[in-house]
């Protein structure tokens, strides 16, 4: 009986946290990070300010929002805005373009919400703990990258190493993008260059 009570409380707590993150996500997208207050999040989620602070400060909540968005992008459940024109992929093979397509939804999301993405990169440097982008989300995307690399004849050990390196390249590009005047085309070109390097060097081994 006590166990059921604990599980019920835990489930309600998760539901409340989900509601807070959902309310914050909408406010961040509509008004930006700086203009959104903890009080506004509490009002939108219909909870107390203290309940919001129990989830985390604004930095932690923004990171949690990006974990949610990135997870939705990976699962294909986030409705991304229409692609703006064609992105340069000249000189790349069909396999390399396929690998790039795995990263494009994230790059395009960051481009669509560039100011918020810069705030996210800064928040990542301040927040304690490990966001899901370094854990379950990383494992999921690297697994898909590994499968694609193995499918072109790269042995599994090298494929896993290259998948991890590509994922690190992707994160590095996002942080570089946040700190510079890098454009979406620049980010795509940098990601494609990393993909070309790893597919060529491994396929020649």
C-alpha atoms as a PDB file:
ATOM      1  CA  UNK A   1       0.000   0.000   0.000  1.00  0.00           C
ATOM      2  CA  UNK A   2       2.801   2.371   0.942  1.00  0.00           C
ATOM      3  CA  UNK A   3       4.591   1.464  -2.278  1.00  0.00           C
ATOM      4  CA  UNK A   4       1.501   2.342  -4.336  1.00  0.00           C
ATOM      5  CA  UNK A   5       1.248   5.682  -2.522  1.00  0.00           C
ATOM      6  CA  UNK A   6       4.903   6.478  -3.293  1.00  0.00           C
ATOM      7  CA  UNK A   7       4.423   5.533  -6.959  1.00  0.00           C
ATOM      8  CA  UNK A   8       1.308   7.726  -7.180  1.00  0.00           C
ATOM      9  CA  UNK A   9       3.147  10.702  -5.715  1.00  0.00           C
ATOM     10  CA  UNK A  10       6.105  10.094  -8.037  1.00  0.00           C
ATOM     11  CA  UNK A  11       3.801   9.917 -11.069  1.00  0.00           C
ATOM     12  CA  UNK A  12       2.044  13.146 -10.109  1.00  0.00           C
ATOM     13  CA  UNK A  13       5.392  14.844  -9.586  1.00  0.00           C
ATOM     14  CA  UNK A  14       6.542  13.806 -13.064  1.00  0.00           C
ATOM     15  CA  UNK A  15       3.283  15.057 -14.565  1.00  0.00           C
ATOM     16  CA  UNK A  16       3.732  18.409 -12.830  1.00  0.00           C
ATOM     17  CA  UNK A  17       7.346  18.651 -14.006  1.00  0.00           C
ATOM     18  CA  UNK A  18       6.257  17.821 -17.563  1.00  0.00           C
ATOM     19  CA  UNK A  19       3.637  20.576 -17.364  1.00  0.00           C
ATOM     20  CA  UNK A  20       6.233  23.060 -16.121  1.00  0.00           C
ATOM     21  CA  UNK A  21       8.699  22.145 -18.882  1.00  0.00           C
ATOM     22  CA  UNK A  22       5.919  22.338 -21.473  1.00  0.00           C
ATOM     23  CA  UNK A  23       4.811  25.770 -20.248  1.00  0.00           C
ATOM     24  CA  UNK A  24       8.402  27.016 -20.170  1.00  0.00           C
ATOM     25  CA  UNK A  25       9.087  25.676 -23.669  1.00  0.00           C
ATOM     26  CA  UNK A  26       6.175  27.623 -25.121  1.00  0.00           C
ATOM     27  CA  UNK A  27       7.157  30.819 -23.302  1.00  0.00           C
ATOM     28  CA  UNK A  28      10.798  30.514 -24.365  1.00  0.00           C
ATOM     29  CA  UNK A  29       9.788  30.022 -28.013  1.00  0.00           C
ATOM     30  CA  UNK A  30       7.233  32.845 -27.935  1.00  0.00           C
ATOM     31  CA  UNK A  31       9.113  35.428 -25.870  1.00  0.00           C
ATOM     32  CA  UNK A  32      12.737  34.326 -25.628  1.00  0.00           C
ATOM     33  CA  UNK A  33      14.843  33.262 -22.660  1.00  0.00           C
ATOM     34  CA  UNK A  34      15.597  36.652 -21.134  1.00  0.00           C
ATOM     35  CA  UNK A  35      12.007  37.911 -21.268  1.00  0.00           C
ATOM     36  CA  UNK A  36      10.609  34.771 -19.644  1.00  0.00           C
ATOM     37  CA  UNK A  37      10.501  34.785 -15.849  1.00  0.00           C
ATOM     38  CA  UNK A  38      10.104  31.971 -13.342  1.00  0.00           C
ATOM     39  CA  UNK A  39       6.903  33.689 -12.220  1.00  0.00           C
ATOM     40  CA  UNK A  40       5.546  33.616 -15.789  1.00  0.00           C
ATOM     41  CA  UNK A  41       6.375  29.907 -16.069  1.00  0.00           C
ATOM     42  CA  UNK A  42       4.601  29.234 -12.776  1.00  0.00           C
ATOM     43  CA  UNK A  43       1.516  31.136 -13.935  1.00  0.00           C
ATOM     44  CA  UNK A  44       1.407  29.329 -17.296  1.00  0.00           C
ATOM     45  CA  UNK A  45       1.858  25.922 -15.628  1.00  0.00           C
ATOM     46  CA  UNK A  46      -0.644  26.820 -12.872  1.00  0.00           C
ATOM     47  CA  UNK A  47       1.785  25.975 -10.072  1.00  0.00           C
ATOM     48  CA  UNK A  48       3.647  27.934  -7.414  1.00  0.00           C
ATOM     49  CA  UNK A  49       6.974  29.667  -8.024  1.00  0.00           C
ATOM     50  CA  UNK A  50       8.486  27.302  -5.460  1.00  0.00           C
ATOM     51  CA  UNK A  51       7.288  24.289  -7.459  1.00  0.00           C
ATOM     52  CA  UNK A  52       8.986  25.655 -10.571  1.00  0.00           C
ATOM     53  CA  UNK A  53      12.198  26.272  -8.630  1.00  0.00           C
ATOM     54  CA  UNK A  54      12.062  22.659  -7.420  1.00  0.00           C
ATOM     55  CA  UNK A  55      12.520  21.645 -11.077  1.00  0.00           C
ATOM     56  CA  UNK A  56      15.456  24.025 -11.465  1.00  0.00           C
ATOM     57  CA  UNK A  57      16.483  27.569 -12.205  1.00  0.00           C
ATOM     58  CA  UNK A  58      15.931  29.142 -15.632  1.00  0.00           C
ATOM     59  CA  UNK A  59      19.160  27.667 -17.013  1.00  0.00           C
ATOM     60  CA  UNK A  60      18.219  24.132 -15.949  1.00  0.00           C
ATOM     61  CA  UNK A  61      14.689  24.524 -17.286  1.00  0.00           C
ATOM     62  CA  UNK A  62      15.969  25.791 -20.658  1.00  0.00           C
ATOM     63  CA  UNK A  63      18.339  22.819 -20.901  1.00  0.00           C
ATOM     64  CA  UNK A  64      15.427  20.495 -20.053  1.00  0.00           C
ATOM     65  CA  UNK A  65      13.366  22.162 -22.806  1.00  0.00           C
ATOM     66  CA  UNK A  66      16.126  21.545 -25.349  1.00  0.00           C
ATOM     67  CA  UNK A  67      16.422  17.932 -24.171  1.00  0.00           C
ATOM     68  CA  UNK A  68      12.709  17.615 -24.921  1.00  0.00           C
ATOM     69  CA  UNK A  69      12.933  19.325 -28.326  1.00  0.00           C
ATOM     70  CA  UNK A  70      15.993  17.321 -29.363  1.00  0.00           C
ATOM     71  CA  UNK A  71      14.293  14.113 -28.245  1.00  0.00           C
ATOM     72  CA  UNK A  72      11.220  15.006 -30.303  1.00  0.00           C
ATOM     73  CA  UNK A  73      13.396  15.814 -33.326  1.00  0.00           C
ATOM     74  CA  UNK A  74      15.173  12.456 -33.016  1.00  0.00           C
ATOM     75  CA  UNK A  75      11.861  10.638 -32.651  1.00  0.00           C
ATOM     76  CA  UNK A  76      10.336  12.550 -35.571  1.00  0.00           C
ATOM     77  CA  UNK A  77       7.503  13.890 -33.405  1.00  0.00           C
ATOM     78  CA  UNK A  78       8.503  17.561 -33.569  1.00  0.00           C
ATOM     79  CA  UNK A  79       6.958  19.491 -36.454  1.00  0.00           C
ATOM     80  CA  UNK A  80       9.845  21.468 -37.857  1.00  0.00           C
ATOM     81  CA  UNK A  81       9.326  24.593 -39.983  1.00  0.00           C
ATOM     82  CA  UNK A  82       9.554  24.138 -43.766  1.00  0.00           C
ATOM     83  CA  UNK A  83      13.120  23.900 -45.031  1.00  0.00           C
ATOM     84  CA  UNK A  84      14.309  27.247 -46.347  1.00  0.00           C
ATOM     85  CA  UNK A  85      15.789  26.621 -49.786  1.00  0.00           C
ATOM     86  CA  UNK A  86      18.291  23.910 -50.610  1.00  0.00           C
ATOM     87  CA  UNK A  87      21.429  23.542 -48.535  1.00  0.00           C
ATOM     88  CA  UNK A  88      24.719  23.016 -50.323  1.00  0.00           C
ATOM     89  CA  UNK A  89      25.855  19.387 -50.318  1.00  0.00           C
ATOM     90  CA  UNK A  90      28.073  19.510 -53.405  1.00  0.00           C
ATOM     91  CA  UNK A  91      30.727  16.844 -53.841  1.00  0.00           C
ATOM     92  CA  UNK A  92      29.144  14.478 -51.332  1.00  0.00           C
ATOM     93  CA  UNK A  93      28.064  10.891 -51.869  1.00  0.00           C
ATOM     94  CA  UNK A  94      24.553   9.581 -51.244  1.00  0.00           C
ATOM     95  CA  UNK A  95      25.732   7.940 -48.010  1.00  0.00           C
ATOM     96  CA  UNK A  96      27.324  11.167 -46.816  1.00  0.00           C
ATOM     97  CA  UNK A  97      24.135  13.072 -47.633  1.00  0.00           C
ATOM     98  CA  UNK A  98      22.116  10.457 -45.732  1.00  0.00           C
ATOM     99  CA  UNK A  99      24.316  10.941 -42.658  1.00  0.00           C
ATOM    100  CA  UNK A 100      23.986  14.705 -42.978  1.00  0.00           C
ATOM    101  CA  UNK A 101      20.191  14.342 -43.086  1.00  0.00           C
ATOM    102  CA  UNK A 102      20.370  12.823 -39.588  1.00  0.00           C
ATOM    103  CA  UNK A 103      21.822  16.102 -38.302  1.00  0.00           C
ATOM    104  CA  UNK A 104      19.882  18.612 -40.422  1.00  0.00           C
ATOM    105  CA  UNK A 105      16.727  18.751 -38.241  1.00  0.00           C
ATOM    106  CA  UNK A 106      18.842  19.864 -35.266  1.00  0.00           C
ATOM    107  CA  UNK A 107      20.874  22.383 -37.247  1.00  0.00           C
ATOM    108  CA  UNK A 108      17.701  23.813 -38.768  1.00  0.00           C
ATOM    109  CA  UNK A 109      16.000  24.007 -35.366  1.00  0.00           C
ATOM    110  CA  UNK A 110      18.965  25.955 -34.003  1.00  0.00           C
ATOM    111  CA  UNK A 111      18.855  28.262 -37.013  1.00  0.00           C
ATOM    112  CA  UNK A 112      15.123  28.840 -36.590  1.00  0.00           C
ATOM    113  CA  UNK A 113      15.622  29.746 -32.910  1.00  0.00           C
ATOM    114  CA  UNK A 114      19.106  31.215 -33.055  1.00  0.00           C
ATOM    115  CA  UNK A 115      18.907  33.597 -30.070  1.00  0.00           C
ATOM    116  CA  UNK A 116      17.369  30.919 -27.871  1.00  0.00           C
ATOM    117  CA  UNK A 117      20.020  28.455 -29.027  1.00  0.00           C
ATOM    118  CA  UNK A 118      22.764  30.874 -27.996  1.00  0.00           C
ATOM    119  CA  UNK A 119      21.147  31.142 -24.569  1.00  0.00           C
ATOM    120  CA  UNK A 120      21.009  27.339 -24.449  1.00  0.00           C
ATOM    121  CA  UNK A 121      24.725  27.008 -25.199  1.00  0.00           C
ATOM    122  CA  UNK A 122      25.503  29.505 -22.433  1.00  0.00           C
ATOM    123  CA  UNK A 123      23.154  27.717 -20.020  1.00  0.00           C
ATOM    124  CA  UNK A 124      24.875  24.391 -20.760  1.00  0.00           C
ATOM    125  CA  UNK A 125      28.115  25.893 -19.460  1.00  0.00           C
ATOM    126  CA  UNK A 126      26.460  27.030 -16.212  1.00  0.00           C
ATOM    127  CA  UNK A 127      24.090  24.205 -15.333  1.00  0.00           C
ATOM    128  CA  UNK A 128      25.138  21.306 -13.097  1.00  0.00           C
ATOM    129  CA  UNK A 129      24.421  17.698 -13.922  1.00  0.00           C
ATOM    130  CA  UNK A 130      24.383  15.956 -17.291  1.00  0.00           C
ATOM    131  CA  UNK A 131      21.648  16.862 -19.782  1.00  0.00           C
ATOM    132  CA  UNK A 132      20.125  14.067 -21.844  1.00  0.00           C
ATOM    133  CA  UNK A 133      21.989  15.369 -24.899  1.00  0.00           C
ATOM    134  CA  UNK A 134      25.076  13.742 -23.340  1.00  0.00           C
ATOM    135  CA  UNK A 135      23.282  10.573 -22.273  1.00  0.00           C
ATOM    136  CA  UNK A 136      20.243   8.790 -23.749  1.00  0.00           C
ATOM    137  CA  UNK A 137      19.873  11.191 -26.682  1.00  0.00           C
ATOM    138  CA  UNK A 138      23.550  10.772 -27.558  1.00  0.00           C
ATOM    139  CA  UNK A 139      23.300   6.975 -27.394  1.00  0.00           C
ATOM    140  CA  UNK A 140      20.241   6.950 -29.664  1.00  0.00           C
ATOM    141  CA  UNK A 141      21.702   9.153 -32.401  1.00  0.00           C
ATOM    142  CA  UNK A 142      25.125   7.484 -32.273  1.00  0.00           C
ATOM    143  CA  UNK A 143      23.437   4.109 -32.671  1.00  0.00           C
ATOM    144  CA  UNK A 144      21.745   5.284 -35.861  1.00  0.00           C
ATOM    145  CA  UNK A 145      24.996   6.756 -37.144  1.00  0.00           C
ATOM    146  CA  UNK A 146      26.802   3.493 -36.412  1.00  0.00           C
ATOM    147  CA  UNK A 147      24.216   1.489 -38.342  1.00  0.00           C
ATOM    148  CA  UNK A 148      24.575   3.782 -41.350  1.00  0.00           C
ATOM    149  CA  UNK A 149      28.376   3.539 -41.285  1.00  0.00           C
ATOM    150  CA  UNK A 150      28.312  -0.255 -40.982  1.00  0.00           C
ATOM    151  CA  UNK A 151      25.918  -0.405 -43.945  1.00  0.00           C
ATOM    152  CA  UNK A 152      28.624   1.053 -46.227  1.00  0.00           C
ATOM    153  CA  UNK A 153      31.201  -1.547 -45.194  1.00  0.00           C
ATOM    154  CA  UNK A 154      32.933   0.112 -42.254  1.00  0.00           C
ATOM    155  CA  UNK A 155      33.639  -2.422 -39.506  1.00  0.00           C
ATOM    156  CA  UNK A 156      31.593  -2.009 -36.361  1.00  0.00           C
ATOM    157  CA  UNK A 157      34.446  -0.893 -34.094  1.00  0.00           C
ATOM    158  CA  UNK A 158      35.493   1.879 -36.455  1.00  0.00           C
ATOM    159  CA  UNK A 159      31.840   2.748 -37.104  1.00  0.00           C
ATOM    160  CA  UNK A 160      31.163   3.252 -33.385  1.00  0.00           C
ATOM    161  CA  UNK A 161      34.289   5.399 -33.005  1.00  0.00           C
ATOM    162  CA  UNK A 162      33.337   7.522 -36.019  1.00  0.00           C
ATOM    163  CA  UNK A 163      29.736   7.857 -34.812  1.00  0.00           C
ATOM    164  CA  UNK A 164      30.986   9.180 -31.454  1.00  0.00           C
ATOM    165  CA  UNK A 165      33.372  11.575 -33.228  1.00  0.00           C
ATOM    166  CA  UNK A 166      30.599  12.813 -35.527  1.00  0.00           C
ATOM    167  CA  UNK A 167      28.336  13.414 -32.550  1.00  0.00           C
ATOM    168  CA  UNK A 168      31.097  15.380 -30.815  1.00  0.00           C
ATOM    169  CA  UNK A 169      31.631  17.356 -34.040  1.00  0.00           C
ATOM    170  CA  UNK A 170      27.929  18.187 -34.123  1.00  0.00           C
ATOM    171  CA  UNK A 171      27.984  19.453 -30.524  1.00  0.00           C
ATOM    172  CA  UNK A 172      31.167  21.407 -31.217  1.00  0.00           C
ATOM    173  CA  UNK A 173      29.584  23.045 -34.259  1.00  0.00           C
ATOM    174  CA  UNK A 174      26.565  24.079 -32.193  1.00  0.00           C
ATOM    175  CA  UNK A 175      28.758  25.697 -29.535  1.00  0.00           C
ATOM    176  CA  UNK A 176      30.913  27.374 -32.191  1.00  0.00           C
ATOM    177  CA  UNK A 177      27.747  28.604 -33.901  1.00  0.00           C
ATOM    178  CA  UNK A 178      26.502  30.061 -30.605  1.00  0.00           C
ATOM    179  CA  UNK A 179      29.750  31.969 -30.074  1.00  0.00           C
ATOM    180  CA  UNK A 180      30.318  33.313 -33.603  1.00  0.00           C
ATOM    181  CA  UNK A 181      28.550  34.724 -36.652  1.00  0.00           C
ATOM    182  CA  UNK A 182      28.371  31.253 -38.219  1.00  0.00           C
ATOM    183  CA  UNK A 183      25.389  30.777 -40.561  1.00  0.00           C
ATOM    184  CA  UNK A 184      23.257  27.688 -41.159  1.00  0.00           C
ATOM    185  CA  UNK A 185      25.105  27.083 -44.436  1.00  0.00           C
ATOM    186  CA  UNK A 186      28.437  27.336 -42.576  1.00  0.00           C
ATOM    187  CA  UNK A 187      27.224  24.840 -39.966  1.00  0.00           C
ATOM    188  CA  UNK A 188      25.999  22.411 -42.625  1.00  0.00           C
ATOM    189  CA  UNK A 189      29.293  22.704 -44.515  1.00  0.00           C
ATOM    190  CA  UNK A 190      31.293  22.045 -41.325  1.00  0.00           C
ATOM    191  CA  UNK A 191      29.136  19.029 -40.448  1.00  0.00           C
ATOM    192  CA  UNK A 192      29.426  17.644 -43.971  1.00  0.00           C
ATOM    193  CA  UNK A 193      33.214  18.091 -43.915  1.00  0.00           C
ATOM    194  CA  UNK A 194      33.394  15.995 -40.739  1.00  0.00           C
ATOM    195  CA  UNK A 195      31.145  13.336 -42.280  1.00  0.00           C
ATOM    196  CA  UNK A 196      33.249  13.205 -45.462  1.00  0.00           C
ATOM    197  CA  UNK A 197      36.432  12.834 -43.411  1.00  0.00           C
ATOM    198  CA  UNK A 198      35.115   9.942 -41.341  1.00  0.00           C
ATOM    199  CA  UNK A 199      33.490   8.058 -44.195  1.00  0.00           C
ATOM    200  CA  UNK A 200      36.521   8.372 -46.464  1.00  0.00           C
ATOM    201  CA  UNK A 201      39.198   7.566 -43.916  1.00  0.00           C
ATOM    202  CA  UNK A 202      37.372   4.547 -42.554  1.00  0.00           C
ATOM    203  CA  UNK A 203      36.336   3.129 -45.893  1.00  0.00           C
ATOM    204  CA  UNK A 204      39.964   3.080 -47.019  1.00  0.00           C
ATOM    205  CA  UNK A 205      41.128   0.974 -44.034  1.00  0.00           C
END
